[in-house]
Amino acid sequence: MTMMKVYRDADGRVAHVGDWDFGVSKVPVFDEETKTQIFDALPGGAGFIPRMRQVMLNHLPEDYVEGTADIVTGFDGGLYAADDPRRLGNQ
């Protein structure tokens, strides 16, 4: 048994074990009026680089709450809360 970070759903069930992968990615920035990509000048006039912004692709559901729980490896090799009967494979 190991104490690990978990995310619980609105019913209090462990829905995710470990850190949440928010899927942060960089995407180009466009001018809203002209719909053209915006570029920034490099120092010393060495050219231009596209302006980028970070976006989150995998948002944490609103009802999820971060916490900790005792985690065990289940019959199928998956991670389960120690009190979750599914860890035994009888369900």
N, C-alpha and C. Protein backbone atom coordinates (compact mmCIF):
# COMPACT_ATOMS: atom_id res chain seq x y z
N MET A 1 0.84 -1.17 0.00
CA MET A 1 0.00 0.00 0.00
C MET A 1 0.89 1.24 0.00
N THR A 2 0.49 2.22 -0.80
CA THR A 2 1.24 3.45 -0.92
C THR A 2 0.28 4.64 -0.90
N MET A 3 0.60 5.66 -0.14
CA MET A 3 -0.21 6.88 -0.12
C MET A 3 0.15 7.68 -1.37
N MET A 4 -0.87 8.01 -2.18
CA MET A 4 -0.65 8.74 -3.42
C MET A 4 -1.68 9.84 -3.61
N LYS A 5 -1.34 10.80 -4.48
CA LYS A 5 -2.30 11.84 -4.86
C LYS A 5 -3.40 11.20 -5.70
N VAL A 6 -4.65 11.58 -5.43
CA VAL A 6 -5.79 11.08 -6.20
C VAL A 6 -6.74 12.24 -6.47
N TYR A 7 -7.61 12.03 -7.43
CA TYR A 7 -8.71 12.95 -7.70
C TYR A 7 -10.00 12.17 -7.53
N ARG A 8 -10.90 12.72 -6.72
CA ARG A 8 -12.18 12.07 -6.45
C ARG A 8 -13.29 12.81 -7.19
N ASP A 9 -14.29 12.03 -7.64
CA ASP A 9 -15.44 12.64 -8.32
C ASP A 9 -16.44 13.14 -7.28
N ALA A 10 -17.57 13.66 -7.74
CA ALA A 10 -18.57 14.25 -6.84
C ALA A 10 -19.13 13.24 -5.84
N ASP A 11 -19.07 11.94 -6.17
CA ASP A 11 -19.55 10.90 -5.27
C ASP A 11 -18.49 10.42 -4.30
N GLY A 12 -17.28 11.00 -4.37
CA GLY A 12 -16.20 10.63 -3.46
C GLY A 12 -15.38 9.44 -3.92
N ARG A 13 -15.69 8.89 -5.09
CA ARG A 13 -14.92 7.75 -5.61
C ARG A 13 -13.62 8.23 -6.24
N VAL A 14 -12.57 7.44 -6.09
CA VAL A 14 -11.30 7.76 -6.73
C VAL A 14 -11.48 7.61 -8.24
N ALA A 15 -11.30 8.71 -8.96
CA ALA A 15 -11.49 8.72 -10.41
C ALA A 15 -10.16 8.74 -11.15
N HIS A 16 -9.09 9.18 -10.47
CA HIS A 16 -7.78 9.26 -11.11
C HIS A 16 -6.71 9.16 -10.03
N VAL A 17 -5.67 8.38 -10.31
CA VAL A 17 -4.55 8.21 -9.38
C VAL A 17 -3.33 8.89 -9.97
N GLY A 18 -2.66 9.73 -9.18
CA GLY A 18 -1.45 10.41 -9.63
C GLY A 18 -1.72 11.82 -10.11
N ASP A 19 -0.66 12.45 -10.65
CA ASP A 19 -0.79 13.82 -11.15
C ASP A 19 -1.71 13.86 -12.36
N TRP A 20 -2.47 14.94 -12.50
CA TRP A 20 -3.36 15.13 -13.65
C TRP A 20 -2.53 15.67 -14.81
N ASP A 21 -2.70 15.09 -15.99
CA ASP A 21 -2.02 15.58 -17.19
C ASP A 21 -2.94 16.59 -17.87
N PHE A 22 -2.61 17.87 -17.71
CA PHE A 22 -3.44 18.93 -18.27
C PHE A 22 -3.28 19.07 -19.78
N GLY A 23 -2.30 18.40 -20.36
CA GLY A 23 -2.12 18.44 -21.81
C GLY A 23 -1.84 19.84 -22.31
N VAL A 24 -0.91 20.56 -21.66
CA VAL A 24 -0.58 21.92 -22.07
C VAL A 24 0.17 21.87 -23.39
N SER A 25 -0.27 22.73 -24.31
CA SER A 25 0.34 22.80 -25.64
C SER A 25 0.47 24.26 -26.05
N LYS A 26 1.39 24.53 -26.97
CA LYS A 26 1.54 25.88 -27.49
C LYS A 26 0.89 25.96 -28.87
N VAL A 27 0.13 27.04 -29.08
CA VAL A 27 -0.53 27.26 -30.37
C VAL A 27 -0.23 28.69 -30.82
N PRO A 28 -0.22 28.92 -32.14
CA PRO A 28 0.05 30.27 -32.64
C PRO A 28 -1.07 31.25 -32.31
N VAL A 29 -0.70 32.52 -32.18
CA VAL A 29 -1.66 33.59 -31.91
C VAL A 29 -2.01 34.27 -33.23
N PHE A 30 -3.32 34.49 -33.44
CA PHE A 30 -3.79 35.14 -34.66
C PHE A 30 -4.45 36.47 -34.32
N ASP A 31 -4.32 37.44 -35.23
CA ASP A 31 -5.01 38.72 -35.11
C ASP A 31 -6.49 38.46 -35.38
N GLU A 32 -7.36 38.88 -34.46
CA GLU A 32 -8.78 38.57 -34.59
C GLU A 32 -9.44 39.26 -35.79
N GLU A 33 -8.97 40.46 -36.10
CA GLU A 33 -9.56 41.20 -37.23
C GLU A 33 -9.14 40.64 -38.58
N THR A 34 -7.83 40.49 -38.76
CA THR A 34 -7.31 40.09 -40.08
C THR A 34 -7.17 38.58 -40.22
N LYS A 35 -7.28 37.86 -39.11
CA LYS A 35 -7.13 36.39 -39.09
C LYS A 35 -5.75 35.94 -39.56
N THR A 36 -4.76 36.81 -39.41
CA THR A 36 -3.39 36.45 -39.79
C THR A 36 -2.57 36.18 -38.53
N GLN A 37 -1.58 35.34 -38.69
CA GLN A 37 -0.72 34.97 -37.57
C GLN A 37 0.16 36.16 -37.17
N ILE A 38 0.37 36.33 -35.87
CA ILE A 38 1.18 37.42 -35.34
C ILE A 38 2.61 36.93 -35.12
N PHE A 39 3.57 37.75 -35.55
CA PHE A 39 4.99 37.43 -35.38
C PHE A 39 5.64 38.53 -34.57
N ASP A 40 6.65 38.17 -33.78
CA ASP A 40 7.43 39.13 -33.01
C ASP A 40 8.83 39.19 -33.59
N ALA A 41 9.41 40.39 -33.61
CA ALA A 41 10.76 40.58 -34.11
C ALA A 41 11.77 40.02 -33.11
N LEU A 42 12.78 39.36 -33.63
CA LEU A 42 13.87 38.88 -32.79
C LEU A 42 14.80 40.04 -32.48
N PRO A 43 15.50 39.99 -31.34
CA PRO A 43 16.42 41.08 -30.98
C PRO A 43 17.49 41.27 -32.07
N GLY A 44 17.84 42.52 -32.29
CA GLY A 44 18.91 42.82 -33.24
C GLY A 44 18.48 42.68 -34.69
N GLY A 45 17.19 42.59 -34.96
CA GLY A 45 16.71 42.48 -36.33
C GLY A 45 17.08 41.18 -37.01
N ALA A 46 17.20 40.11 -36.24
CA ALA A 46 17.63 38.81 -36.78
C ALA A 46 16.48 38.00 -37.38
N GLY A 47 15.32 38.60 -37.52
CA GLY A 47 14.19 37.88 -38.10
C GLY A 47 12.97 37.95 -37.21
N PHE A 48 12.06 37.04 -37.44
CA PHE A 48 10.79 37.02 -36.73
C PHE A 48 10.50 35.62 -36.21
N ILE A 49 9.71 35.59 -35.14
CA ILE A 49 9.31 34.32 -34.55
C ILE A 49 7.80 34.38 -34.29
N PRO A 50 7.08 33.30 -34.55
CA PRO A 50 5.63 33.34 -34.31
C PRO A 50 5.30 33.52 -32.83
N ARG A 51 4.33 34.38 -32.54
CA ARG A 51 3.87 34.56 -31.16
C ARG A 51 3.02 33.33 -30.81
N MET A 52 3.28 32.75 -29.65
CA MET A 52 2.58 31.53 -29.23
C MET A 52 1.92 31.77 -27.88
N ARG A 53 0.88 30.98 -27.61
CA ARG A 53 0.25 31.00 -26.29
C ARG A 53 0.02 29.55 -25.85
N GLN A 54 -0.04 29.37 -24.55
CA GLN A 54 -0.27 28.03 -24.01
C GLN A 54 -1.76 27.80 -23.83
N VAL A 55 -2.21 26.60 -24.19
CA VAL A 55 -3.60 26.21 -23.97
C VAL A 55 -3.63 24.88 -23.23
N MET A 56 -4.66 24.71 -22.44
CA MET A 56 -4.85 23.46 -21.70
C MET A 56 -5.83 22.59 -22.50
N LEU A 57 -5.40 21.39 -22.87
CA LEU A 57 -6.21 20.52 -23.69
C LEU A 57 -7.03 19.51 -22.88
N ASN A 58 -6.65 19.28 -21.64
CA ASN A 58 -7.31 18.27 -20.81
C ASN A 58 -7.66 18.89 -19.46
N HIS A 59 -8.78 19.62 -19.40
CA HIS A 59 -9.18 20.30 -18.18
C HIS A 59 -9.62 19.29 -17.11
N LEU A 60 -9.37 19.63 -15.88
CA LEU A 60 -9.84 18.84 -14.75
C LEU A 60 -11.35 19.05 -14.63
N PRO A 61 -12.14 17.99 -14.58
CA PRO A 61 -13.60 18.17 -14.42
C PRO A 61 -13.92 18.99 -13.17
N GLU A 62 -14.95 19.81 -13.26
CA GLU A 62 -15.29 20.74 -12.18
C GLU A 62 -15.56 20.05 -10.85
N ASP A 63 -16.12 18.84 -10.89
CA ASP A 63 -16.50 18.19 -9.63
C ASP A 63 -15.36 17.36 -9.02
N TYR A 64 -14.19 17.31 -9.65
CA TYR A 64 -13.08 16.53 -9.11
C TYR A 64 -12.39 17.31 -7.99
N VAL A 65 -12.04 16.59 -6.94
CA VAL A 65 -11.36 17.17 -5.79
C VAL A 65 -10.06 16.42 -5.57
N GLU A 66 -8.97 17.17 -5.38
CA GLU A 66 -7.65 16.55 -5.15
C GLU A 66 -7.54 16.11 -3.69
N GLY A 67 -6.90 14.97 -3.49
CA GLY A 67 -6.67 14.47 -2.15
C GLY A 67 -5.61 13.39 -2.17
N THR A 68 -5.57 12.57 -1.15
CA THR A 68 -4.64 11.43 -1.10
C THR A 68 -5.42 10.20 -0.67
N ALA A 69 -4.88 9.04 -1.02
CA ALA A 69 -5.51 7.78 -0.62
C ALA A 69 -4.47 6.68 -0.62
N ASP A 70 -4.73 5.63 0.15
CA ASP A 70 -3.88 4.43 0.11
C ASP A 70 -4.19 3.71 -1.19
N ILE A 71 -3.18 3.45 -2.00
CA ILE A 71 -3.35 2.85 -3.32
C ILE A 71 -2.65 1.49 -3.35
N VAL A 72 -3.32 0.53 -3.98
CA VAL A 72 -2.76 -0.82 -4.15
C VAL A 72 -2.86 -1.20 -5.62
N THR A 73 -2.07 -2.18 -6.00
CA THR A 73 -2.13 -2.73 -7.35
C THR A 73 -3.19 -3.82 -7.36
N GLY A 74 -4.12 -3.71 -8.30
CA GLY A 74 -5.22 -4.66 -8.38
C GLY A 74 -4.86 -5.91 -9.14
N PHE A 75 -5.82 -6.81 -9.28
CA PHE A 75 -5.63 -8.09 -9.94
C PHE A 75 -5.17 -7.93 -11.39
N ASP A 76 -5.54 -6.81 -12.02
CA ASP A 76 -5.22 -6.58 -13.43
C ASP A 76 -4.00 -5.70 -13.63
N GLY A 77 -3.30 -5.35 -12.54
CA GLY A 77 -2.13 -4.49 -12.63
C GLY A 77 -2.46 -3.02 -12.53
N GLY A 78 -3.75 -2.67 -12.48
CA GLY A 78 -4.17 -1.27 -12.35
C GLY A 78 -4.06 -0.78 -10.93
N LEU A 79 -4.12 0.54 -10.76
CA LEU A 79 -4.05 1.15 -9.43
C LEU A 79 -5.45 1.41 -8.91
N TYR A 80 -5.69 1.02 -7.66
CA TYR A 80 -7.00 1.16 -7.03
C TYR A 80 -6.84 1.68 -5.61
N ALA A 81 -7.87 2.37 -5.11
CA ALA A 81 -7.90 2.71 -3.69
C ALA A 81 -7.98 1.41 -2.92
N ALA A 82 -7.31 1.35 -1.77
CA ALA A 82 -7.23 0.12 -0.99
C ALA A 82 -8.62 -0.41 -0.60
N ASP A 83 -9.60 0.48 -0.48
CA ASP A 83 -10.95 0.05 -0.08
C ASP A 83 -11.89 -0.18 -1.28
N ASP A 84 -11.37 -0.15 -2.50
CA ASP A 84 -12.18 -0.33 -3.70
C ASP A 84 -12.31 -1.81 -3.99
N PRO A 85 -13.52 -2.38 -3.95
CA PRO A 85 -13.70 -3.82 -4.18
C PRO A 85 -13.32 -4.25 -5.60
N ARG A 86 -13.27 -3.32 -6.57
CA ARG A 86 -12.91 -3.69 -7.94
C ARG A 86 -11.46 -4.17 -8.03
N ARG A 87 -10.64 -3.85 -7.05
CA ARG A 87 -9.22 -4.26 -7.08
C ARG A 87 -9.08 -5.79 -7.08
N LEU A 88 -10.12 -6.49 -6.61
CA LEU A 88 -10.08 -7.95 -6.51
C LEU A 88 -10.56 -8.63 -7.76
N GLY A 89 -11.26 -7.92 -8.64
CA GLY A 89 -11.72 -8.50 -9.89
C GLY A 89 -12.99 -9.30 -9.77
N ASN A 90 -13.71 -9.20 -8.68
CA ASN A 90 -14.94 -9.98 -8.48
C ASN A 90 -16.18 -9.26 -9.00
N GLN A 91 -16.04 -8.00 -9.42
CA GLN A 91 -17.21 -7.21 -9.82
C GLN A 91 -17.41 -7.25 -11.30
